[in-house]
Amino acid sequence: MVTINFTIVVELILFLGFLWGTRQFILRPLLEALDAREASLEESETHAQEAVDHAGTLEAQYHAESAAMRRTADEFFRGERRKALNEYGRRLAEERHNADAAVATTRAAALKQVRKARNECAALAPELADILSDQLGIGGPEQ
């Protein structure tokens, strides 16, 4: 037969007190710390996912703005190139016109000199003929 004496009751009360104290001062703070840690991890994961989503949005925005800037720059450079080519063509035509005018002026001056030289040669032709005939000994009507 089992007798329950005062020692077993005290040991039972001490054991129950130990269980209560362990639960109250060890298990509850430990479980609360684990719950807080889990909540913190979930919050960190949520923030990380939001950051990844935001980074994806920023990357898409960057690519769109970069493409728009490239298009704008290409259009600007094409326009400037077109302006430069038009200016080059205008200056080339102007220089060609100036060169044609200079050639025409030089040609007119050269023709004028040629005419003058022809007239001088024509005026000198009888005199030259006389000098040549004298030197060659060909007598003309004067001899």
N, C-alpha and C. Protein backbone atom coordinates (compact mmCIF):
# COMPACT_ATOMS: atom_id res chain seq x y z
N MET A 1 0.80 -1.14 0.00
CA MET A 1 0.00 0.00 0.00
C MET A 1 0.86 1.24 0.00
N VAL A 2 0.38 2.22 -0.65
CA VAL A 2 1.16 3.44 -0.79
C VAL A 2 0.61 4.45 0.22
N THR A 3 1.54 4.93 0.93
CA THR A 3 1.12 5.95 1.89
C THR A 3 1.63 7.30 1.41
N ILE A 4 0.78 8.24 1.52
CA ILE A 4 1.16 9.60 1.12
C ILE A 4 1.50 10.32 2.42
N ASN A 5 2.71 10.67 2.50
CA ASN A 5 3.11 11.41 3.70
C ASN A 5 3.44 12.85 3.32
N PHE A 6 3.81 13.58 4.27
CA PHE A 6 4.02 15.01 4.11
C PHE A 6 5.19 15.30 3.16
N THR A 7 6.20 14.47 3.07
CA THR A 7 7.37 14.68 2.24
C THR A 7 6.98 14.63 0.77
N ILE A 8 6.13 13.71 0.42
CA ILE A 8 5.71 13.60 -0.98
C ILE A 8 4.89 14.83 -1.35
N VAL A 9 4.06 15.31 -0.47
CA VAL A 9 3.24 16.49 -0.75
C VAL A 9 4.15 17.70 -0.93
N VAL A 10 5.14 17.85 -0.08
CA VAL A 10 6.07 18.98 -0.20
C VAL A 10 6.86 18.86 -1.51
N GLU A 11 7.31 17.64 -1.82
CA GLU A 11 8.05 17.46 -3.08
C GLU A 11 7.16 17.76 -4.27
N LEU A 12 5.90 17.37 -4.20
CA LEU A 12 4.95 17.64 -5.28
C LEU A 12 4.73 19.15 -5.41
N ILE A 13 4.57 19.83 -4.26
CA ILE A 13 4.39 21.30 -4.29
C ILE A 13 5.64 21.97 -4.85
N LEU A 14 6.83 21.52 -4.44
CA LEU A 14 8.09 22.08 -4.96
C LEU A 14 8.23 21.82 -6.46
N PHE A 15 7.86 20.60 -6.88
CA PHE A 15 7.95 20.27 -8.31
C PHE A 15 7.00 21.15 -9.12
N LEU A 16 5.76 21.31 -8.63
CA LEU A 16 4.80 22.17 -9.32
C LEU A 16 5.28 23.62 -9.33
N GLY A 17 5.86 24.06 -8.26
CA GLY A 17 6.45 25.42 -8.19
C GLY A 17 7.59 25.57 -9.19
N PHE A 18 8.40 24.51 -9.30
CA PHE A 18 9.51 24.53 -10.28
C PHE A 18 8.96 24.62 -11.70
N LEU A 19 7.92 23.80 -11.97
CA LEU A 19 7.30 23.85 -13.31
C LEU A 19 6.72 25.24 -13.59
N TRP A 20 6.00 25.78 -12.58
CA TRP A 20 5.41 27.11 -12.77
C TRP A 20 6.50 28.17 -12.98
N GLY A 21 7.54 28.15 -12.19
CA GLY A 21 8.65 29.11 -12.30
C GLY A 21 9.37 28.96 -13.64
N THR A 22 9.58 27.71 -14.05
CA THR A 22 10.24 27.47 -15.33
C THR A 22 9.38 28.02 -16.47
N ARG A 23 8.08 27.74 -16.39
CA ARG A 23 7.17 28.22 -17.43
C ARG A 23 7.12 29.75 -17.41
N GLN A 24 7.03 30.32 -16.22
CA GLN A 24 6.86 31.76 -16.07
C GLN A 24 8.13 32.52 -16.44
N PHE A 25 9.26 32.09 -16.01
CA PHE A 25 10.49 32.88 -16.15
C PHE A 25 11.43 32.38 -17.25
N ILE A 26 11.22 31.18 -17.76
CA ILE A 26 12.12 30.68 -18.79
C ILE A 26 11.38 30.44 -20.09
N LEU A 27 10.34 29.64 -20.04
CA LEU A 27 9.66 29.28 -21.28
C LEU A 27 8.92 30.47 -21.91
N ARG A 28 8.15 31.25 -21.11
CA ARG A 28 7.39 32.36 -21.65
C ARG A 28 8.33 33.40 -22.31
N PRO A 29 9.40 33.87 -21.64
CA PRO A 29 10.30 34.82 -22.32
C PRO A 29 10.96 34.21 -23.55
N LEU A 30 11.29 32.91 -23.46
CA LEU A 30 11.90 32.25 -24.61
C LEU A 30 10.92 32.18 -25.77
N LEU A 31 9.68 31.80 -25.51
CA LEU A 31 8.67 31.75 -26.57
C LEU A 31 8.37 33.15 -27.12
N GLU A 32 8.30 34.14 -26.23
CA GLU A 32 8.08 35.52 -26.68
C GLU A 32 9.25 35.98 -27.56
N ALA A 33 10.48 35.64 -27.19
CA ALA A 33 11.65 36.01 -27.99
C ALA A 33 11.61 35.31 -29.35
N LEU A 34 11.21 34.03 -29.35
CA LEU A 34 11.11 33.31 -30.62
C LEU A 34 10.01 33.91 -31.50
N ASP A 35 8.87 34.26 -30.90
CA ASP A 35 7.79 34.90 -31.66
C ASP A 35 8.23 36.25 -32.21
N ALA A 36 8.92 37.02 -31.37
CA ALA A 36 9.41 38.34 -31.81
C ALA A 36 10.42 38.17 -32.94
N ARG A 37 11.27 37.17 -32.81
CA ARG A 37 12.27 36.91 -33.86
C ARG A 37 11.57 36.50 -35.16
N GLU A 38 10.56 35.66 -35.07
CA GLU A 38 9.83 35.23 -36.26
C GLU A 38 9.11 36.41 -36.90
N ALA A 39 8.49 37.27 -36.05
CA ALA A 39 7.82 38.46 -36.59
C ALA A 39 8.82 39.40 -37.25
N SER A 40 9.98 39.54 -36.63
CA SER A 40 11.03 40.39 -37.20
C SER A 40 11.50 39.84 -38.54
N LEU A 41 11.67 38.53 -38.63
CA LEU A 41 12.09 37.91 -39.89
C LEU A 41 11.03 38.10 -40.97
N GLU A 42 9.76 37.93 -40.59
CA GLU A 42 8.68 38.12 -41.57
C GLU A 42 8.65 39.58 -42.04
N GLU A 43 8.83 40.50 -41.08
CA GLU A 43 8.85 41.93 -41.44
C GLU A 43 10.05 42.24 -42.34
N SER A 44 11.20 41.67 -42.02
CA SER A 44 12.39 41.88 -42.85
C SER A 44 12.18 41.30 -44.24
N GLU A 45 11.55 40.14 -44.30
CA GLU A 45 11.27 39.52 -45.59
C GLU A 45 10.31 40.39 -46.40
N THR A 46 9.30 40.94 -45.74
CA THR A 46 8.34 41.82 -46.41
C THR A 46 9.05 43.07 -46.93
N HIS A 47 9.89 43.67 -46.08
CA HIS A 47 10.65 44.86 -46.51
C HIS A 47 11.59 44.52 -47.66
N ALA A 48 12.22 43.35 -47.60
CA ALA A 48 13.13 42.95 -48.68
C ALA A 48 12.37 42.76 -49.98
N GLN A 49 11.19 42.14 -49.91
CA GLN A 49 10.39 41.96 -51.12
C GLN A 49 9.94 43.30 -51.68
N GLU A 50 9.54 44.22 -50.78
CA GLU A 50 9.16 45.57 -51.22
C GLU A 50 10.35 46.27 -51.88
N ALA A 51 11.53 46.10 -51.30
CA ALA A 51 12.74 46.71 -51.87
C ALA A 51 13.04 46.12 -53.24
N VAL A 52 12.87 44.80 -53.39
CA VAL A 52 13.10 44.16 -54.68
C VAL A 52 12.10 44.67 -55.71
N ASP A 53 10.84 44.78 -55.29
CA ASP A 53 9.81 45.30 -56.20
C ASP A 53 10.12 46.74 -56.60
N HIS A 54 10.52 47.54 -55.61
CA HIS A 54 10.87 48.94 -55.89
C HIS A 54 12.08 49.02 -56.80
N ALA A 55 13.06 48.16 -56.58
CA ALA A 55 14.25 48.13 -57.44
C ALA A 55 13.87 47.76 -58.87
N GLY A 56 12.95 46.81 -59.02
CA GLY A 56 12.48 46.44 -60.36
C GLY A 56 11.79 47.61 -61.04
N THR A 57 10.97 48.34 -60.27
CA THR A 57 10.29 49.52 -60.81
C THR A 57 11.31 50.57 -61.22
N LEU A 58 12.30 50.82 -60.37
CA LEU A 58 13.34 51.80 -60.68
C LEU A 58 14.15 51.38 -61.90
N GLU A 59 14.44 50.09 -62.01
CA GLU A 59 15.20 49.61 -63.16
C GLU A 59 14.41 49.80 -64.45
N ALA A 60 13.12 49.49 -64.41
CA ALA A 60 12.28 49.70 -65.59
C ALA A 60 12.21 51.19 -65.93
N GLN A 61 12.09 52.02 -64.92
CA GLN A 61 12.06 53.47 -65.13
C GLN A 61 13.39 53.95 -65.72
N TYR A 62 14.49 53.42 -65.20
CA TYR A 62 15.82 53.79 -65.72
C TYR A 62 15.93 53.42 -67.19
N HIS A 63 15.51 52.20 -67.54
CA HIS A 63 15.61 51.77 -68.93
C HIS A 63 14.74 52.64 -69.84
N ALA A 64 13.55 52.97 -69.37
CA ALA A 64 12.66 53.81 -70.18
C ALA A 64 13.25 55.20 -70.36
N GLU A 65 13.75 55.81 -69.28
CA GLU A 65 14.33 57.14 -69.37
C GLU A 65 15.62 57.12 -70.20
N SER A 66 16.40 56.07 -70.04
CA SER A 66 17.64 55.95 -70.81
C SER A 66 17.33 55.85 -72.30
N ALA A 67 16.32 55.05 -72.64
CA ALA A 67 15.94 54.93 -74.06
C ALA A 67 15.41 56.26 -74.58
N ALA A 68 14.63 56.96 -73.77
CA ALA A 68 14.11 58.27 -74.19
C ALA A 68 15.25 59.26 -74.40
N MET A 69 16.23 59.25 -73.50
CA MET A 69 17.37 60.15 -73.64
C MET A 69 18.19 59.80 -74.88
N ARG A 70 18.36 58.49 -75.13
CA ARG A 70 19.08 58.08 -76.34
C ARG A 70 18.37 58.56 -77.59
N ARG A 71 17.04 58.40 -77.61
CA ARG A 71 16.27 58.86 -78.77
C ARG A 71 16.40 60.37 -78.94
N THR A 72 16.30 61.10 -77.84
CA THR A 72 16.42 62.56 -77.89
C THR A 72 17.80 62.96 -78.40
N ALA A 73 18.84 62.30 -77.88
CA ALA A 73 20.20 62.61 -78.31
C ALA A 73 20.39 62.28 -79.79
N ASP A 74 19.85 61.13 -80.22
CA ASP A 74 19.96 60.75 -81.64
C ASP A 74 19.26 61.78 -82.53
N GLU A 75 18.07 62.20 -82.12
CA GLU A 75 17.34 63.21 -82.90
C GLU A 75 18.11 64.52 -82.94
N PHE A 76 18.67 64.92 -81.79
CA PHE A 76 19.45 66.15 -81.73
C PHE A 76 20.66 66.08 -82.66
N PHE A 77 21.41 64.96 -82.58
CA PHE A 77 22.60 64.83 -83.41
C PHE A 77 22.24 64.75 -84.89
N ARG A 78 21.13 64.06 -85.21
CA ARG A 78 20.70 64.02 -86.61
C ARG A 78 20.35 65.42 -87.10
N GLY A 79 19.64 66.18 -86.27
CA GLY A 79 19.29 67.56 -86.64
C GLY A 79 20.52 68.43 -86.82
N GLU A 80 21.45 68.30 -85.89
CA GLU A 80 22.68 69.10 -85.99
C GLU A 80 23.51 68.69 -87.21
N ARG A 81 23.53 67.40 -87.48
CA ARG A 81 24.27 66.92 -88.66
C ARG A 81 23.62 67.47 -89.93
N ARG A 82 22.27 67.45 -89.95
CA ARG A 82 21.54 67.98 -91.10
C ARG A 82 21.85 69.47 -91.27
N LYS A 83 21.86 70.21 -90.16
CA LYS A 83 22.18 71.64 -90.22
C LYS A 83 23.60 71.85 -90.74
N ALA A 84 24.53 71.05 -90.21
CA ALA A 84 25.93 71.19 -90.63
C ALA A 84 26.07 70.87 -92.12
N LEU A 85 25.39 69.82 -92.60
CA LEU A 85 25.47 69.48 -94.02
C LEU A 85 24.85 70.58 -94.89
N ASN A 86 23.73 71.13 -94.42
CA ASN A 86 23.11 72.23 -95.17
C ASN A 86 24.04 73.45 -95.21
N GLU A 87 24.66 73.76 -94.08
CA GLU A 87 25.59 74.89 -94.03
C GLU A 87 26.80 74.62 -94.93
N TYR A 88 27.29 73.37 -94.89
CA TYR A 88 28.42 73.00 -95.74
C TYR A 88 28.03 73.16 -97.22
N GLY A 89 26.85 72.68 -97.58
CA GLY A 89 26.39 72.80 -98.96
C GLY A 89 26.23 74.26 -99.37
N ARG A 90 25.69 75.09 -98.47
CA ARG A 90 25.53 76.51 -98.76
C ARG A 90 26.89 77.18 -98.95
N ARG A 91 27.82 76.89 -98.04
CA ARG A 91 29.16 77.49 -98.17
C ARG A 91 29.87 76.99 -99.42
N LEU A 92 29.70 75.70 -99.73
CA LEU A 92 30.31 75.14 -100.93
C LEU A 92 29.76 75.84 -102.18
N ALA A 93 28.45 76.03 -102.22
CA ALA A 93 27.85 76.72 -103.36
C ALA A 93 28.34 78.16 -103.43
N GLU A 94 28.45 78.80 -102.29
CA GLU A 94 28.95 80.18 -102.26
C GLU A 94 30.39 80.25 -102.75
N GLU A 95 31.22 79.32 -102.27
CA GLU A 95 32.62 79.30 -102.71
C GLU A 95 32.71 78.96 -104.21
N ARG A 96 31.87 78.05 -104.67
CA ARG A 96 31.85 77.72 -106.10
C ARG A 96 31.46 78.94 -106.91
N HIS A 97 30.46 79.68 -106.43
CA HIS A 97 30.04 80.90 -107.12
C HIS A 97 31.18 81.92 -107.14
N ASN A 98 31.84 82.09 -105.97
CA ASN A 98 32.98 83.03 -105.90
C ASN A 98 34.11 82.58 -106.82
N ALA A 99 34.38 81.28 -106.84
CA ALA A 99 35.45 80.77 -107.71
C ALA A 99 35.08 80.97 -109.18
N ASP A 100 33.80 80.70 -109.54
CA ASP A 100 33.37 80.93 -110.92
C ASP A 100 33.50 82.40 -111.30
N ALA A 101 33.15 83.28 -110.36
CA ALA A 101 33.28 84.72 -110.63
C ALA A 101 34.75 85.09 -110.79
N ALA A 102 35.62 84.55 -109.95
CA ALA A 102 37.05 84.84 -110.07
C ALA A 102 37.59 84.31 -111.39
N VAL A 103 37.16 83.11 -111.79
CA VAL A 103 37.61 82.53 -113.06
C VAL A 103 37.12 83.40 -114.22
N ALA A 104 35.87 83.84 -114.13
CA ALA A 104 35.33 84.70 -115.20
C ALA A 104 36.09 86.00 -115.27
N THR A 105 36.40 86.60 -114.13
CA THR A 105 37.17 87.85 -114.10
C THR A 105 38.56 87.63 -114.68
N THR A 106 39.22 86.55 -114.26
CA THR A 106 40.56 86.24 -114.75
C THR A 106 40.52 85.95 -116.25
N ARG A 107 39.51 85.22 -116.70
CA ARG A 107 39.37 84.91 -118.12
C ARG A 107 39.17 86.19 -118.93
N ALA A 108 38.32 87.09 -118.40
CA ALA A 108 38.08 88.36 -119.11
C ALA A 108 39.37 89.17 -119.20
N ALA A 109 40.12 89.20 -118.08
CA ALA A 109 41.38 89.94 -118.10
C ALA A 109 42.37 89.30 -119.07
N ALA A 110 42.42 87.97 -119.09
CA ALA A 110 43.34 87.26 -120.00
C ALA A 110 42.93 87.52 -121.45
N LEU A 111 41.63 87.47 -121.74
CA LEU A 111 41.17 87.74 -123.12
C LEU A 111 41.50 89.17 -123.53
N LYS A 112 41.37 90.08 -122.59
CA LYS A 112 41.70 91.47 -122.86
C LYS A 112 43.19 91.59 -123.20
N GLN A 113 44.03 90.89 -122.41
CA GLN A 113 45.46 90.93 -122.69
C GLN A 113 45.78 90.27 -124.03
N VAL A 114 45.08 89.17 -124.33
CA VAL A 114 45.31 88.49 -125.61
C VAL A 114 44.93 89.41 -126.76
N ARG A 115 43.78 90.09 -126.66
CA ARG A 115 43.37 91.02 -127.72
C ARG A 115 44.38 92.14 -127.88
N LYS A 116 44.84 92.66 -126.73
CA LYS A 116 45.83 93.75 -126.77
C LYS A 116 47.12 93.27 -127.44
N ALA A 117 47.54 92.02 -127.05
CA ALA A 117 48.76 91.49 -127.65
C ALA A 117 48.57 91.24 -129.14
N ARG A 118 47.38 90.78 -129.55
CA ARG A 118 47.11 90.56 -130.98
C ARG A 118 47.17 91.88 -131.75
N ASN A 119 46.56 92.88 -131.13
CA ASN A 119 46.57 94.20 -131.80
C ASN A 119 47.99 94.73 -131.92
N GLU A 120 48.77 94.52 -130.83
CA GLU A 120 50.15 94.97 -130.88
C GLU A 120 50.94 94.18 -131.92
N CYS A 121 50.68 92.85 -131.97
CA CYS A 121 51.36 92.02 -132.96
C CYS A 121 50.95 92.42 -134.38
N ALA A 122 49.66 92.71 -134.55
CA ALA A 122 49.18 93.11 -135.88
C ALA A 122 49.82 94.44 -136.28
N ALA A 123 49.98 95.31 -135.30
CA ALA A 123 50.60 96.61 -135.60
C ALA A 123 52.08 96.43 -135.89
N LEU A 124 52.70 95.46 -135.26
CA LEU A 124 54.13 95.23 -135.45
C LEU A 124 54.43 94.35 -136.65
N ALA A 125 53.44 93.69 -137.20
CA ALA A 125 53.66 92.76 -138.30
C ALA A 125 54.33 93.42 -139.50
N PRO A 126 53.90 94.56 -140.02
CA PRO A 126 54.60 95.15 -141.17
C PRO A 126 56.04 95.51 -140.84
N GLU A 127 56.24 96.02 -139.66
CA GLU A 127 57.59 96.41 -139.27
C GLU A 127 58.48 95.18 -139.16
N LEU A 128 57.96 94.09 -138.59
CA LEU A 128 58.71 92.85 -138.47
C LEU A 128 59.02 92.27 -139.85
N ALA A 129 58.05 92.36 -140.73
CA ALA A 129 58.27 91.86 -142.08
C ALA A 129 59.40 92.62 -142.75
N ASP A 130 59.45 93.91 -142.54
CA ASP A 130 60.52 94.72 -143.14
C ASP A 130 61.87 94.34 -142.53
N ILE A 131 61.91 94.16 -141.20
CA ILE A 131 63.17 93.81 -140.53
C ILE A 131 63.63 92.45 -141.01
N LEU A 132 62.74 91.48 -141.14
CA LEU A 132 63.10 90.15 -141.58
C LEU A 132 63.59 90.17 -143.03
N SER A 133 62.90 90.91 -143.88
CA SER A 133 63.34 90.95 -145.25
C SER A 133 64.71 91.62 -145.38
N ASP A 134 64.97 92.61 -144.56
CA ASP A 134 66.29 93.25 -144.58
C ASP A 134 67.35 92.26 -144.13
N GLN A 135 67.06 91.51 -143.12
CA GLN A 135 68.06 90.58 -142.59
C GLN A 135 68.23 89.39 -143.52
N LEU A 136 67.20 88.98 -144.18
CA LEU A 136 67.33 87.84 -145.08
C LEU A 136 67.84 88.28 -146.46
N GLY A 137 67.84 89.50 -146.67
CA GLY A 137 68.33 90.02 -147.95
C GLY A 137 67.31 89.90 -149.04
N ILE A 138 66.12 89.78 -148.67
CA ILE A 138 65.09 89.72 -149.66
C ILE A 138 64.69 91.16 -149.96
N GLY A 139 64.86 91.52 -151.14
CA GLY A 139 64.57 92.91 -151.48
C GLY A 139 63.11 93.09 -151.82
N GLY A 140 62.67 94.07 -151.37
CA GLY A 140 61.30 94.37 -151.65
C GLY A 140 61.25 95.52 -152.64
N PRO A 141 60.17 96.14 -152.79
CA PRO A 141 60.03 97.22 -153.73
C PRO A 141 60.93 98.39 -153.41
N GLU A 142 61.45 98.45 -152.26
CA GLU A 142 62.26 99.58 -151.89
C GLU A 142 63.65 99.48 -152.47
N GLN A 143 64.10 98.33 -152.77
CA GLN A 143 65.47 98.16 -153.25
C GLN A 143 65.60 98.48 -154.66
